[in-house]
Structure formats: C-alpha cells, structure tokens
Amino acid sequence: MTDLEFLLFVPACVCVGAATGGYLLSLIVKKVQVARVSTWILTAGFAFLTLGLILAAFSAQGWGGFGSRHLLSVYAWAVSGLYLALQFKTRTRVLGAFIAPVILVFLIVAAGQGSEKNLIPPAWQGWLTVAHLVLAIAGEALFVLASAAGAMFILQNRLIKHKKTGSMIRFLPSLSDLDRINHIGLLGGFVLLTLGMVGGSVYAAFVWEGTWASDPKVIWTFAVWAVYGILLHQRLAIGWRGVRMAVLSGTVFLLFAVSALVIRFCLPTIHSFI
C-alpha cells in the first residue's frame, strides 16, 4: 500500500466508524437528523474508498495485482455503494445501523491484511477472471443488504406487534420498504452471482481442467446459489415475504458466512490465493 493509498484508507475507516456510531446513536435518541448526517459521513467514506481503490488499481496495473487488503476493501466499497444507492431511493436511513457495522468490520479486518500478495496469480489473470470476481462480490454484497433489511424487518415487526414503537414509529422505515430491499437484494444478488459463476466456470473449465469442480469453495458457491435460488423462487412463485422471508434470508446468510470462513481457513482449496 502506497503512502497516498494509506492516506485515503485511514479517513475512509474514520468516516465509516463515525457513521456507524451516528446510526446507532440515531436509534437511541430517535432523531432522523442524526441518521441523515451519518449517511453523508458514510458517503464521504465511500468516496475515500473509491479514490483509494482507483489509485490501487493504477498502482497494481489492474485487479490482478490487488492483495487481501484490497479485496476486503472492495467488499466494503460494494456494500456501502449499493446501500447508499438503495437508501437514497427508499429513504431507509436508519437501516444504516445494520449496514454500517458490517462495512466497518470489513475495513477493520482489511487493515490487518497485507496488500503485497496478488489477488489473482499471474497465470490466471484475465478479463474473465476479473468479471467473475466483480460479479460475485456484487452479488454477495446484495445478499448482505437483503439480510440486513430482513434483520431490521424482524426487529421492527416485533416492536409493532408488542406495541413498543411509541414515538419511534415515525422515525423507523416502513416494513414495505424493508421488504422491498430484501427482495431487491435477493433478486439482484442471485442474478449477479449466477453470471459470476458462469464466467468462473467457463474460465476454470479451460485453465483448471477437471480439478476445479470438487473444490470446497466451488461446492460452497453452488450451495449458496441453489439455496438463494430456492428462496427467490418461493418469494416470486409462492408469494413468501415479510417475516418468513426475513428470517430465512438472514439465517441462510449467517450459515453461509460461517461456512465460508471454515472453508477458507480449515479446508484445502484452489481459491486459497484470495
């Protein structure tokens, strides 16, 4: 990481940390103005991340030279960018209390990673590999948004059911907006992950020959795709929504997040370079 990259990464972390604190404070004081200010602080953090990643891409001559720190920063960038786009459209500012901590965790873990290790080995670099990574990361980021919206839907629905919202009812986003974000996250995430899997499979079929299909990371990705496909089918064809879909999408995301960590650190995989 160059000095200029570091100078952009630090304020990005500070902005995301301040936005996280602001969003959580907005829940305590029940003031949407605090959440509104936090949104602009998060936007500033997103801008710093954008500039830092652009600079890193030029320094590394493309995605192929990105290291582990860059990868986690890309995840933070994708989640924050997608959330800000949806937030400005739906005005669900308080949802940031569920999203910003996730972004902050990505950046904290990224700060402890090296940037010297290439994300993609030189022999495997190419536009199809980059497209595979970009689509997969964007899809997973949308699944994060769907899960966060689902978590807030569950909490808010419980408060309403037990008539504990009080004066907060005007402050909280509507359940329909949260359900809509859950739907957008599931649909968009599934489409992008599908495209990413197709691109990765085509490339792997030529480069890795017959060894890639039994790789734990490939099996995990297919399982993620299949389960989210089932959830999306139940929502579109059967009409599952609301609490049921919020609980299922959140549970599935947590299970797959834990299993991804187990695969990455406990099982041999040809994806160990990331």
C-alpha atoms as a PDB file:
ATOM      1  CA  MET A   1       0.000   0.000   0.000  1.00  0.00           C
ATOM      2  CA  THR A   2       1.468   3.346  -1.051  1.00  0.00           C
ATOM      3  CA  ASP A   3       1.525   6.368   1.253  1.00  0.00           C
ATOM      4  CA  LEU A   4      -1.259   8.021  -0.747  1.00  0.00           C
ATOM      5  CA  GLU A   5      -3.385   4.872  -0.596  1.00  0.00           C
ATOM      6  CA  PHE A   6      -2.872   4.802   3.169  1.00  0.00           C
ATOM      7  CA  LEU A   7      -3.879   8.465   3.430  1.00  0.00           C
ATOM      8  CA  LEU A   8      -7.151   7.590   1.691  1.00  0.00           C
ATOM      9  CA  PHE A   9      -7.762   4.328   3.572  1.00  0.00           C
ATOM     10  CA  VAL A  10      -7.475   5.919   7.040  1.00  0.00           C
ATOM     11  CA  PRO A  11     -10.130   8.643   6.526  1.00  0.00           C
ATOM     12  CA  ALA A  12     -12.375   6.014   4.914  1.00  0.00           C
ATOM     13  CA  CYS A  13     -12.148   3.945   8.104  1.00  0.00           C
ATOM     14  CA  VAL A  14     -12.709   7.023  10.276  1.00  0.00           C
ATOM     15  CA  CYS A  15     -15.775   8.064   8.261  1.00  0.00           C
ATOM     16  CA  VAL A  16     -17.310   4.582   8.352  1.00  0.00           C
ATOM     17  CA  GLY A  17     -16.614   4.347  12.093  1.00  0.00           C
ATOM     18  CA  ALA A  18     -18.199   7.752  12.698  1.00  0.00           C
ATOM     19  CA  ALA A  19     -21.191   6.828  10.516  1.00  0.00           C
ATOM     20  CA  THR A  20     -21.642   3.578  12.438  1.00  0.00           C
ATOM     21  CA  GLY A  21     -21.665   5.462  15.738  1.00  0.00           C
ATOM     22  CA  GLY A  22     -24.046   8.043  14.317  1.00  0.00           C
ATOM     23  CA  TYR A  23     -26.526   5.482  13.025  1.00  0.00           C
ATOM     24  CA  LEU A  24     -26.557   3.660  16.356  1.00  0.00           C
ATOM     25  CA  LEU A  25     -26.950   6.978  18.178  1.00  0.00           C
ATOM     26  CA  SER A  26     -29.907   7.849  15.966  1.00  0.00           C
ATOM     27  CA  LEU A  27     -31.699   4.765  17.273  1.00  0.00           C
ATOM     28  CA  ILE A  28     -31.050   5.833  20.860  1.00  0.00           C
ATOM     29  CA  VAL A  29     -32.088   9.489  20.522  1.00  0.00           C
ATOM     30  CA  LYS A  30     -34.779   8.676  17.933  1.00  0.00           C
ATOM     31  CA  LYS A  31     -33.720  11.515  15.633  1.00  0.00           C
ATOM     32  CA  VAL A  32     -33.720  11.001  11.878  1.00  0.00           C
ATOM     33  CA  GLN A  33     -31.477  14.063  11.522  1.00  0.00           C
ATOM     34  CA  VAL A  34     -28.640  12.129  13.153  1.00  0.00           C
ATOM     35  CA  ALA A  35     -29.118   9.273  10.696  1.00  0.00           C
ATOM     36  CA  ARG A  36     -29.213  11.782   7.837  1.00  0.00           C
ATOM     37  CA  VAL A  37     -25.848  13.271   8.871  1.00  0.00           C
ATOM     38  CA  SER A  38     -24.448   9.751   9.272  1.00  0.00           C
ATOM     39  CA  THR A  39     -25.498   8.982   5.702  1.00  0.00           C
ATOM     40  CA  TRP A  40     -23.434  11.876   4.389  1.00  0.00           C
ATOM     41  CA  ILE A  41     -20.480  10.786   6.530  1.00  0.00           C
ATOM     42  CA  LEU A  42     -20.790   7.275   5.082  1.00  0.00           C
ATOM     43  CA  THR A  43     -20.937   8.836   1.613  1.00  0.00           C
ATOM     44  CA  ALA A  44     -17.637  10.574   2.347  1.00  0.00           C
ATOM     45  CA  GLY A  45     -16.155   7.250   3.453  1.00  0.00           C
ATOM     46  CA  PHE A  46     -17.389   5.670   0.222  1.00  0.00           C
ATOM     47  CA  ALA A  47     -15.722   8.457  -1.760  1.00  0.00           C
ATOM     48  CA  PHE A  48     -12.387   7.897   0.032  1.00  0.00           C
ATOM     49  CA  LEU A  49     -12.661   4.154  -0.612  1.00  0.00           C
ATOM     50  CA  THR A  50     -13.415   4.793  -4.287  1.00  0.00           C
ATOM     51  CA  LEU A  51     -10.393   7.036  -4.742  1.00  0.00           C
ATOM     52  CA  GLY A  52      -8.177   4.609  -2.836  1.00  0.00           C
ATOM     53  CA  LEU A  53      -9.243   1.624  -4.956  1.00  0.00           C
ATOM     54  CA  ILE A  54      -8.813   3.577  -8.190  1.00  0.00           C
ATOM     55  CA  LEU A  55      -5.311   4.548  -7.104  1.00  0.00           C
ATOM     56  CA  ALA A  56      -4.570   0.954  -6.071  1.00  0.00           C
ATOM     57  CA  ALA A  57      -5.755  -0.313  -9.474  1.00  0.00           C
ATOM     58  CA  PHE A  58      -3.391   2.054 -11.249  1.00  0.00           C
ATOM     59  CA  SER A  59      -0.514   1.169  -8.926  1.00  0.00           C
ATOM     60  CA  ALA A  60      -1.099  -2.581  -9.294  1.00  0.00           C
ATOM     61  CA  GLN A  61      -1.874  -2.286 -13.028  1.00  0.00           C
ATOM     62  CA  GLY A  62      -5.335  -3.765 -12.604  1.00  0.00           C
ATOM     63  CA  TRP A  63      -7.260  -6.077 -10.289  1.00  0.00           C
ATOM     64  CA  GLY A  64      -4.730  -8.848 -10.721  1.00  0.00           C
ATOM     65  CA  GLY A  65      -2.247  -7.020  -8.512  1.00  0.00           C
ATOM     66  CA  PHE A  66      -4.736  -6.473  -5.678  1.00  0.00           C
ATOM     67  CA  GLY A  67      -3.914  -8.043  -2.320  1.00  0.00           C
ATOM     68  CA  SER A  68      -6.046  -9.303   0.566  1.00  0.00           C
ATOM     69  CA  ARG A  69      -6.478  -5.796   1.961  1.00  0.00           C
ATOM     70  CA  HIS A  70      -7.741  -4.584  -1.383  1.00  0.00           C
ATOM     71  CA  LEU A  71     -10.201  -7.477  -1.667  1.00  0.00           C
ATOM     72  CA  LEU A  72     -11.811  -6.718   1.697  1.00  0.00           C
ATOM     73  CA  SER A  73     -11.861  -3.017   0.827  1.00  0.00           C
ATOM     74  CA  VAL A  74     -13.729  -3.890  -2.379  1.00  0.00           C
ATOM     75  CA  TYR A  75     -16.331  -5.765  -0.322  1.00  0.00           C
ATOM     76  CA  ALA A  76     -16.723  -2.724   1.972  1.00  0.00           C
ATOM     77  CA  TRP A  77     -16.949  -0.454  -1.064  1.00  0.00           C
ATOM     78  CA  ALA A  78     -19.577  -2.625  -2.770  1.00  0.00           C
ATOM     79  CA  VAL A  79     -21.798  -2.927   0.321  1.00  0.00           C
ATOM     80  CA  SER A  80     -21.616   0.790   1.098  1.00  0.00           C
ATOM     81  CA  GLY A  81     -22.208   1.840  -2.511  1.00  0.00           C
ATOM     82  CA  LEU A  82     -25.208  -0.431  -3.003  1.00  0.00           C
ATOM     83  CA  TYR A  83     -26.682   0.588   0.347  1.00  0.00           C
ATOM     84  CA  LEU A  84     -26.307   4.304  -0.402  1.00  0.00           C
ATOM     85  CA  ALA A  85     -27.965   3.838  -3.800  1.00  0.00           C
ATOM     86  CA  LEU A  86     -30.914   1.986  -2.260  1.00  0.00           C
ATOM     87  CA  GLN A  87     -31.098   4.299   0.748  1.00  0.00           C
ATOM     88  CA  PHE A  88     -31.390   7.450  -1.329  1.00  0.00           C
ATOM     89  CA  LYS A  89     -34.152   5.758  -3.323  1.00  0.00           C
ATOM     90  CA  THR A  90     -36.128   4.301  -0.402  1.00  0.00           C
ATOM     91  CA  ARG A  91     -35.165   6.765   2.374  1.00  0.00           C
ATOM     92  CA  THR A  92     -34.484   3.953   4.829  1.00  0.00           C
ATOM     93  CA  ARG A  93     -31.748   5.878   6.614  1.00  0.00           C
ATOM     94  CA  VAL A  94     -31.988   4.004   9.903  1.00  0.00           C
ATOM     95  CA  LEU A  95     -31.113   0.777   8.091  1.00  0.00           C
ATOM     96  CA  GLY A  96     -27.564   2.105   8.214  1.00  0.00           C
ATOM     97  CA  ALA A  97     -27.429   0.963  11.855  1.00  0.00           C
ATOM     98  CA  PHE A  98     -27.436  -2.604  10.491  1.00  0.00           C
ATOM     99  CA  ILE A  99     -25.301  -1.983   7.385  1.00  0.00           C
ATOM    100  CA  ALA A 100     -22.538   0.348   8.598  1.00  0.00           C
ATOM    101  CA  PRO A 101     -21.199  -2.083  11.262  1.00  0.00           C
ATOM    102  CA  VAL A 102     -20.754  -4.740   8.544  1.00  0.00           C
ATOM    103  CA  ILE A 103     -18.806  -2.271   6.395  1.00  0.00           C
ATOM    104  CA  LEU A 104     -16.695  -1.301   9.397  1.00  0.00           C
ATOM    105  CA  VAL A 105     -15.855  -4.955  10.124  1.00  0.00           C
ATOM    106  CA  PHE A 106     -14.654  -5.402   6.529  1.00  0.00           C
ATOM    107  CA  LEU A 107     -12.366  -2.375   6.884  1.00  0.00           C
ATOM    108  CA  ILE A 108     -11.049  -3.391  10.304  1.00  0.00           C
ATOM    109  CA  VAL A 109     -10.139  -6.847   9.003  1.00  0.00           C
ATOM    110  CA  ALA A 110      -8.688  -5.267   5.847  1.00  0.00           C
ATOM    111  CA  ALA A 111      -6.422  -3.052   7.963  1.00  0.00           C
ATOM    112  CA  GLY A 112      -4.801  -6.165   9.403  1.00  0.00           C
ATOM    113  CA  GLN A 113      -4.174  -7.758   5.996  1.00  0.00           C
ATOM    114  CA  GLY A 114      -1.238  -7.366   3.649  1.00  0.00           C
ATOM    115  CA  SER A 115      -1.533  -5.650   0.291  1.00  0.00           C
ATOM    116  CA  GLU A 116       1.522  -7.213  -1.292  1.00  0.00           C
ATOM    117  CA  LYS A 117       0.006 -10.620  -2.125  1.00  0.00           C
ATOM    118  CA  ASN A 118      -1.634 -10.755  -5.542  1.00  0.00           C
ATOM    119  CA  LEU A 119      -5.357 -11.412  -5.532  1.00  0.00           C
ATOM    120  CA  ILE A 120      -5.035 -13.467  -8.706  1.00  0.00           C
ATOM    121  CA  PRO A 121      -1.914 -15.462  -9.607  1.00  0.00           C
ATOM    122  CA  PRO A 122      -0.286 -14.058 -12.774  1.00  0.00           C
ATOM    123  CA  ALA A 123      -1.003 -17.248 -14.731  1.00  0.00           C
ATOM    124  CA  TRP A 124      -4.744 -16.902 -14.095  1.00  0.00           C
ATOM    125  CA  GLN A 125      -5.179 -13.191 -14.716  1.00  0.00           C
ATOM    126  CA  GLY A 126      -7.554 -12.066 -17.442  1.00  0.00           C
ATOM    127  CA  TRP A 127     -10.735 -10.145 -18.086  1.00  0.00           C
ATOM    128  CA  LEU A 128     -12.957 -13.189 -17.477  1.00  0.00           C
ATOM    129  CA  THR A 129     -11.398 -13.759 -14.045  1.00  0.00           C
ATOM    130  CA  VAL A 130     -11.917 -10.110 -13.137  1.00  0.00           C
ATOM    131  CA  ALA A 131     -15.537 -10.246 -14.333  1.00  0.00           C
ATOM    132  CA  HIS A 132     -16.062 -13.393 -12.240  1.00  0.00           C
ATOM    133  CA  LEU A 133     -14.777 -11.647  -9.106  1.00  0.00           C
ATOM    134  CA  VAL A 134     -16.642  -8.380  -9.676  1.00  0.00           C
ATOM    135  CA  LEU A 135     -19.978 -10.111 -10.284  1.00  0.00           C
ATOM    136  CA  ALA A 136     -19.542 -12.491  -7.332  1.00  0.00           C
ATOM    137  CA  ILE A 137     -18.610  -9.675  -4.932  1.00  0.00           C
ATOM    138  CA  ALA A 138     -21.521  -7.507  -6.084  1.00  0.00           C
ATOM    139  CA  GLY A 139     -23.913 -10.449  -5.690  1.00  0.00           C
ATOM    140  CA  GLU A 140     -22.661 -11.241  -2.196  1.00  0.00           C
ATOM    141  CA  ALA A 141     -22.911  -7.547  -1.251  1.00  0.00           C
ATOM    142  CA  LEU A 142     -26.570  -7.575  -2.271  1.00  0.00           C
ATOM    143  CA  PHE A 143     -27.127 -10.650  -0.097  1.00  0.00           C
ATOM    144  CA  VAL A 144     -25.662  -8.644   2.815  1.00  0.00           C
ATOM    145  CA  LEU A 145     -28.196  -5.874   2.158  1.00  0.00           C
ATOM    146  CA  ALA A 146     -31.047  -8.385   1.947  1.00  0.00           C
ATOM    147  CA  SER A 147     -30.032  -9.922   5.274  1.00  0.00           C
ATOM    148  CA  ALA A 148     -29.647  -6.546   7.000  1.00  0.00           C
ATOM    149  CA  ALA A 149     -33.061  -5.421   5.761  1.00  0.00           C
ATOM    150  CA  GLY A 150     -34.502  -8.727   6.940  1.00  0.00           C
ATOM    151  CA  ALA A 151     -32.942  -8.326  10.392  1.00  0.00           C
ATOM    152  CA  MET A 152     -34.404  -4.856  10.778  1.00  0.00           C
ATOM    153  CA  PHE A 153     -37.768  -6.089   9.484  1.00  0.00           C
ATOM    154  CA  ILE A 154     -37.849  -8.774  12.197  1.00  0.00           C
ATOM    155  CA  LEU A 155     -36.923  -6.326  14.969  1.00  0.00           C
ATOM    156  CA  GLN A 156     -39.329  -3.651  13.829  1.00  0.00           C
ATOM    157  CA  ASN A 157     -42.179  -6.091  13.272  1.00  0.00           C
ATOM    158  CA  ARG A 158     -41.725  -7.413  16.816  1.00  0.00           C
ATOM    159  CA  LEU A 159     -41.809  -3.884  18.250  1.00  0.00           C
ATOM    160  CA  ILE A 160     -45.012  -3.138  16.343  1.00  0.00           C
ATOM    161  CA  LYS A 161     -46.612  -6.419  17.368  1.00  0.00           C
ATOM    162  CA  HIS A 162     -45.915  -5.715  21.045  1.00  0.00           C
ATOM    163  CA  LYS A 163     -46.860  -2.033  20.622  1.00  0.00           C
ATOM    164  CA  LYS A 164     -43.449  -0.828  21.798  1.00  0.00           C
ATOM    165  CA  THR A 165     -42.666   1.576  18.976  1.00  0.00           C
ATOM    166  CA  GLY A 166     -44.254   4.615  20.618  1.00  0.00           C
ATOM    167  CA  SER A 167     -42.820   7.798  19.126  1.00  0.00           C
ATOM    168  CA  MET A 168     -40.327   5.742  17.088  1.00  0.00           C
ATOM    169  CA  ILE A 169     -42.972   4.752  14.544  1.00  0.00           C
ATOM    170  CA  ARG A 170     -42.422   7.978  12.565  1.00  0.00           C
ATOM    171  CA  PHE A 171     -38.676   7.534  12.756  1.00  0.00           C
ATOM    172  CA  LEU A 172     -38.450   3.943  11.552  1.00  0.00           C
ATOM    173  CA  PRO A 173     -38.675   2.974   7.851  1.00  0.00           C
ATOM    174  CA  SER A 174     -41.802   1.263   6.624  1.00  0.00           C
ATOM    175  CA  LEU A 175     -41.937  -2.517   6.667  1.00  0.00           C
ATOM    176  CA  SER A 176     -42.802  -2.426   2.967  1.00  0.00           C
ATOM    177  CA  ASP A 177     -39.553  -0.586   2.165  1.00  0.00           C
ATOM    178  CA  LEU A 178     -37.528  -3.103   4.179  1.00  0.00           C
ATOM    179  CA  ASP A 179     -39.291  -5.988   2.448  1.00  0.00           C
ATOM    180  CA  ARG A 180     -38.624  -4.324  -0.893  1.00  0.00           C
ATOM    181  CA  ILE A 181     -34.888  -4.057  -0.159  1.00  0.00           C
ATOM    182  CA  ASN A 182     -34.884  -7.703   0.901  1.00  0.00           C
ATOM    183  CA  HIS A 183     -36.487  -8.584  -2.439  1.00  0.00           C
ATOM    184  CA  ILE A 184     -34.068  -6.424  -4.455  1.00  0.00           C
ATOM    185  CA  GLY A 185     -31.105  -7.907  -2.603  1.00  0.00           C
ATOM    186  CA  LEU A 186     -32.216 -11.497  -3.209  1.00  0.00           C
ATOM    187  CA  LEU A 187     -33.110 -10.957  -6.861  1.00  0.00           C
ATOM    188  CA  GLY A 188     -30.093  -8.840  -7.785  1.00  0.00           C
ATOM    189  CA  GLY A 189     -27.693 -10.964  -5.759  1.00  0.00           C
ATOM    190  CA  PHE A 190     -28.903 -14.177  -7.376  1.00  0.00           C
ATOM    191  CA  VAL A 191     -28.634 -12.765 -10.912  1.00  0.00           C
ATOM    192  CA  LEU A 192     -25.121 -11.369 -10.377  1.00  0.00           C
ATOM    193  CA  LEU A 193     -23.890 -14.490  -8.599  1.00  0.00           C
ATOM    194  CA  THR A 194     -25.266 -16.618 -11.460  1.00  0.00           C
ATOM    195  CA  LEU A 195     -23.383 -14.554 -14.038  1.00  0.00           C
ATOM    196  CA  GLY A 196     -20.246 -14.678 -11.908  1.00  0.00           C
ATOM    197  CA  MET A 197     -20.489 -18.455 -11.576  1.00  0.00           C
ATOM    198  CA  VAL A 198     -20.943 -18.881 -15.319  1.00  0.00           C
ATOM    199  CA  GLY A 199     -17.888 -16.735 -16.037  1.00  0.00           C
ATOM    200  CA  GLY A 200     -15.798 -18.544 -13.435  1.00  0.00           C
ATOM    201  CA  SER A 201     -16.919 -21.976 -14.662  1.00  0.00           C
ATOM    202  CA  VAL A 202     -16.077 -21.197 -18.285  1.00  0.00           C
ATOM    203  CA  TYR A 203     -12.625 -19.974 -17.315  1.00  0.00           C
ATOM    204  CA  ALA A 204     -11.956 -22.839 -14.890  1.00  0.00           C
ATOM    205  CA  ALA A 205     -13.012 -25.431 -17.452  1.00  0.00           C
ATOM    206  CA  PHE A 206     -10.117 -24.343 -19.668  1.00  0.00           C
ATOM    207  CA  VAL A 207      -7.491 -23.463 -17.037  1.00  0.00           C
ATOM    208  CA  TRP A 208      -8.075 -25.907 -14.176  1.00  0.00           C
ATOM    209  CA  GLU A 209      -9.338 -28.768 -16.343  1.00  0.00           C
ATOM    210  CA  GLY A 210     -11.115 -31.391 -14.162  1.00  0.00           C
ATOM    211  CA  THR A 211      -9.796 -30.387 -10.724  1.00  0.00           C
ATOM    212  CA  TRP A 212     -11.989 -27.395 -10.025  1.00  0.00           C
ATOM    213  CA  ALA A 213     -15.465 -28.997  -9.785  1.00  0.00           C
ATOM    214  CA  SER A 214     -14.671 -30.790  -6.496  1.00  0.00           C
ATOM    215  CA  ASP A 215     -13.051 -27.763  -4.867  1.00  0.00           C
ATOM    216  CA  PRO A 216     -14.727 -26.915  -1.495  1.00  0.00           C
ATOM    217  CA  LYS A 217     -15.127 -23.257  -2.470  1.00  0.00           C
ATOM    218  CA  VAL A 218     -16.851 -24.218  -5.730  1.00  0.00           C
ATOM    219  CA  ILE A 219     -19.198 -26.600  -3.899  1.00  0.00           C
ATOM    220  CA  TRP A 220     -19.930 -23.891  -1.313  1.00  0.00           C
ATOM    221  CA  THR A 221     -20.697 -21.332  -4.030  1.00  0.00           C
ATOM    222  CA  PHE A 222     -23.046 -23.731  -5.801  1.00  0.00           C
ATOM    223  CA  ALA A 223     -24.808 -24.435  -2.489  1.00  0.00           C
ATOM    224  CA  VAL A 224     -25.224 -20.688  -1.887  1.00  0.00           C
ATOM    225  CA  TRP A 225     -26.596 -20.238  -5.394  1.00  0.00           C
ATOM    226  CA  ALA A 226     -29.022 -23.165  -5.038  1.00  0.00           C
ATOM    227  CA  VAL A 227     -30.405 -22.126  -1.639  1.00  0.00           C
ATOM    228  CA  TYR A 228     -30.849 -18.496  -2.627  1.00  0.00           C
ATOM    229  CA  GLY A 229     -32.467 -19.697  -5.840  1.00  0.00           C
ATOM    230  CA  ILE A 230     -34.988 -21.652  -3.777  1.00  0.00           C
ATOM    231  CA  LEU A 231     -35.678 -18.616  -1.582  1.00  0.00           C
ATOM    232  CA  LEU A 232     -36.169 -16.426  -4.635  1.00  0.00           C
ATOM    233  CA  HIS A 233     -38.498 -18.995  -6.216  1.00  0.00           C
ATOM    234  CA  GLN A 234     -40.580 -19.172  -3.041  1.00  0.00           C
ATOM    235  CA  ARG A 235     -40.851 -15.412  -2.977  1.00  0.00           C
ATOM    236  CA  LEU A 236     -41.727 -14.922  -6.650  1.00  0.00           C
ATOM    237  CA  ALA A 237     -43.810 -18.042  -7.301  1.00  0.00           C
ATOM    238  CA  ILE A 238     -45.313 -18.880  -3.907  1.00  0.00           C
ATOM    239  CA  GLY A 239     -45.505 -15.360  -2.501  1.00  0.00           C
ATOM    240  CA  TRP A 240     -43.316 -15.771   0.571  1.00  0.00           C
ATOM    241  CA  ARG A 241     -42.470 -12.368   2.013  1.00  0.00           C
ATOM    242  CA  GLY A 242     -42.476 -10.443   5.256  1.00  0.00           C
ATOM    243  CA  VAL A 243     -41.270 -12.130   8.448  1.00  0.00           C
ATOM    244  CA  ARG A 244     -40.861 -15.581   6.882  1.00  0.00           C
ATOM    245  CA  MET A 245     -38.544 -14.344   4.132  1.00  0.00           C
ATOM    246  CA  ALA A 246     -36.683 -12.029   6.510  1.00  0.00           C
ATOM    247  CA  VAL A 247     -35.922 -14.896   8.913  1.00  0.00           C
ATOM    248  CA  LEU A 248     -34.925 -17.307   6.151  1.00  0.00           C
ATOM    249  CA  SER A 249     -32.679 -14.881   4.279  1.00  0.00           C
ATOM    250  CA  GLY A 250     -30.916 -13.847   7.494  1.00  0.00           C
ATOM    251  CA  THR A 251     -30.447 -17.426   8.682  1.00  0.00           C
ATOM    252  CA  VAL A 252     -29.140 -18.602   5.321  1.00  0.00           C
ATOM    253  CA  PHE A 253     -26.689 -15.709   5.131  1.00  0.00           C
ATOM    254  CA  LEU A 254     -25.280 -16.402   8.607  1.00  0.00           C
ATOM    255  CA  LEU A 255     -24.873 -20.119   7.880  1.00  0.00           C
ATOM    256  CA  PHE A 256     -23.066 -19.484   4.626  1.00  0.00           C
ATOM    257  CA  ALA A 257     -20.867 -16.747   6.124  1.00  0.00           C
ATOM    258  CA  VAL A 258     -19.686 -19.140   8.846  1.00  0.00           C
ATOM    259  CA  SER A 259     -19.161 -21.985   6.376  1.00  0.00           C
ATOM    260  CA  ALA A 260     -17.168 -19.671   4.077  1.00  0.00           C
ATOM    261  CA  LEU A 261     -14.752 -18.911   6.934  1.00  0.00           C
ATOM    262  CA  VAL A 262     -14.420 -22.606   7.747  1.00  0.00           C
ATOM    263  CA  ILE A 263     -13.650 -23.446   4.118  1.00  0.00           C
ATOM    264  CA  ARG A 264     -11.165 -20.598   3.759  1.00  0.00           C
ATOM    265  CA  PHE A 265      -9.127 -21.393   6.864  1.00  0.00           C
ATOM    266  CA  CYS A 266      -9.705 -25.110   7.519  1.00  0.00           C
ATOM    267  CA  LEU A 267     -10.014 -26.841   4.140  1.00  0.00           C
ATOM    268  CA  PRO A 268      -7.632 -27.031   1.165  1.00  0.00           C
ATOM    269  CA  THR A 269      -8.951 -25.048  -1.789  1.00  0.00           C
ATOM    270  CA  ILE A 270      -7.520 -23.800  -5.058  1.00  0.00           C
ATOM    271  CA  HIS A 271      -9.121 -20.459  -4.152  1.00  0.00           C
ATOM    272  CA  SER A 272      -6.679 -20.041  -1.243  1.00  0.00           C
ATOM    273  CA  PHE A 273      -4.919 -17.221  -3.132  1.00  0.00           C
ATOM    274  CA  ILE A 274      -7.726 -14.895  -2.014  1.00  0.00           C
END
